[in-house]
Protein backbone atom coordinates (compact mmCIF):
# COMPACT_ATOMS: atom_id res chain seq x y z
CA MET A 1 -1.46 10.14 -16.76
CA SER A 2 -1.77 6.48 -17.64
CA HIS A 3 -0.32 3.59 -15.66
CA THR A 4 0.34 0.18 -17.11
CA PHE A 5 -0.92 -2.72 -15.07
CA THR A 6 0.69 -6.12 -15.53
CA SER A 7 0.63 -9.21 -13.38
CA THR A 8 4.43 -9.23 -13.41
CA ALA A 9 4.55 -5.72 -11.93
CA VAL A 10 2.07 -6.63 -9.21
CA LEU A 11 3.96 -9.79 -8.31
CA GLY A 12 7.19 -7.82 -8.19
CA TYR A 13 5.69 -5.29 -5.79
CA LEU A 14 4.00 -7.94 -3.66
CA LYS A 15 7.22 -9.95 -3.47
CA TRP A 16 9.02 -7.05 -1.80
CA ASP A 17 6.08 -6.39 0.51
CA THR A 18 5.93 -10.05 1.53
CA PHE A 19 9.68 -10.19 2.15
CA GLU A 20 9.53 -7.06 4.26
CA ARG A 21 6.60 -8.29 6.38
CA ALA A 22 8.05 -11.78 6.85
CA GLY A 23 11.48 -10.38 7.65
CA TRP A 24 10.25 -7.93 10.26
CA THR A 25 7.97 -10.54 11.83
CA GLY A 26 10.87 -12.98 12.08
CA VAL A 27 13.19 -10.37 13.59
CA GLN A 28 10.61 -9.20 16.13
CA THR A 29 9.79 -12.77 17.16
CA SER A 30 13.43 -13.79 17.44
CA LEU A 31 14.33 -10.73 19.48
CA GLY A 32 11.32 -11.28 21.72
CA VAL A 33 12.35 -14.87 22.45
CA LEU A 34 15.99 -13.88 22.91
CA ALA A 35 15.12 -11.02 25.27
CA ALA A 36 12.82 -13.24 27.33
CA ASP A 37 15.54 -15.89 27.57
CA LEU A 38 18.27 -13.40 28.51
CA ALA A 39 16.01 -11.77 31.11
CA ASP A 40 15.33 -15.22 32.57
CA VAL A 41 11.56 -14.66 32.52
CA PRO A 42 8.85 -17.11 31.41
CA ALA A 43 8.62 -17.70 27.65
CA TRP A 44 5.17 -16.09 27.38
CA TRP A 45 6.91 -12.71 27.85
CA ALA A 46 8.28 -13.11 24.31
CA ALA A 47 4.89 -12.08 22.84
CA PRO A 48 4.59 -8.71 24.65
CA ILE A 49 8.24 -8.00 23.90
CA ALA A 50 7.67 -8.72 20.20
CA LEU A 51 4.59 -6.45 20.26
CA ALA A 52 6.66 -3.65 21.77
CA LEU A 53 9.23 -4.17 19.00
CA ALA A 54 6.43 -4.02 16.40
CA SER A 55 5.31 -0.69 17.86
CA ALA A 56 8.87 0.63 17.71
CA LYS A 57 9.15 -0.54 14.08
CA SER A 58 5.87 1.20 13.26
CA TYR A 59 7.14 4.44 14.80
CA ALA A 60 10.40 4.18 12.85
CA ALA A 61 8.54 3.34 9.63
CA SER A 62 6.38 6.44 9.99
CA ARG A 63 9.62 8.45 9.92
CA LEU A 64 11.53 6.46 7.26
CA GLY A 65 9.11 4.82 4.83
CA VAL A 66 6.36 6.11 2.58
CA ARG A 67 4.11 8.26 4.76
CA GLY A 68 0.92 6.55 5.90
CA THR A 69 1.89 3.00 4.89
CA GLY A 70 3.80 1.64 7.89
CA SER A 71 6.40 0.30 5.47
CA THR A 72 10.14 0.67 5.75
CA LEU A 73 10.61 -0.09 2.06
CA PRO A 74 11.79 2.72 -0.21
CA ALA A 75 9.04 4.26 -2.36
CA GLY A 76 10.23 2.42 -5.48
CA ARG A 77 9.77 -0.99 -3.85
CA ASP A 78 6.72 -0.26 -1.71
CA PRO A 79 3.41 -1.51 -3.16
CA ALA A 80 1.71 1.42 -1.44
CA GLY A 81 4.30 3.84 -2.78
CA ALA A 82 3.88 6.75 -5.14
CA GLU A 83 3.01 4.75 -8.28
CA PRO A 84 -0.47 3.18 -8.22
CA LEU A 85 -0.69 -0.48 -9.22
CA LEU A 86 -4.10 -0.19 -10.86
CA PRO A 87 -5.10 2.17 -13.64
CA THR A 88 -6.64 5.37 -12.39
CA PRO A 89 -10.30 5.97 -13.27
CA GLY A 90 -10.73 7.33 -16.75
CA THR A 91 -7.44 5.91 -18.10
CA GLY A 92 -8.81 2.58 -19.24
CA GLY A 93 -11.30 -0.06 -18.25
CA PRO A 94 -10.87 -3.80 -17.90
CA GLU A 95 -8.97 -3.88 -21.19
CA ALA A 96 -6.18 -1.93 -19.47
CA LEU A 97 -5.77 -4.82 -17.07
């Protein structure tokens, strides 16, 4: 089985991965700050709250996303999904890149 490797494909996959990571980080941070503010506790509590949210996201991702990746992206958009980005050994050398 041969896989085509192109820079456009890699950038497409990485774009979705970057958006997912940045989005989740922003949500976790915002919710951490909001929760600390609503609980009327010092602002430094936002960090442990955000870490707890990251753990909850990781647990949910292990149930929803591609197994073993920690991603919530569907397999078709996940860079670590079912389709490898690089050619598999024996299907082409540097010329395949």
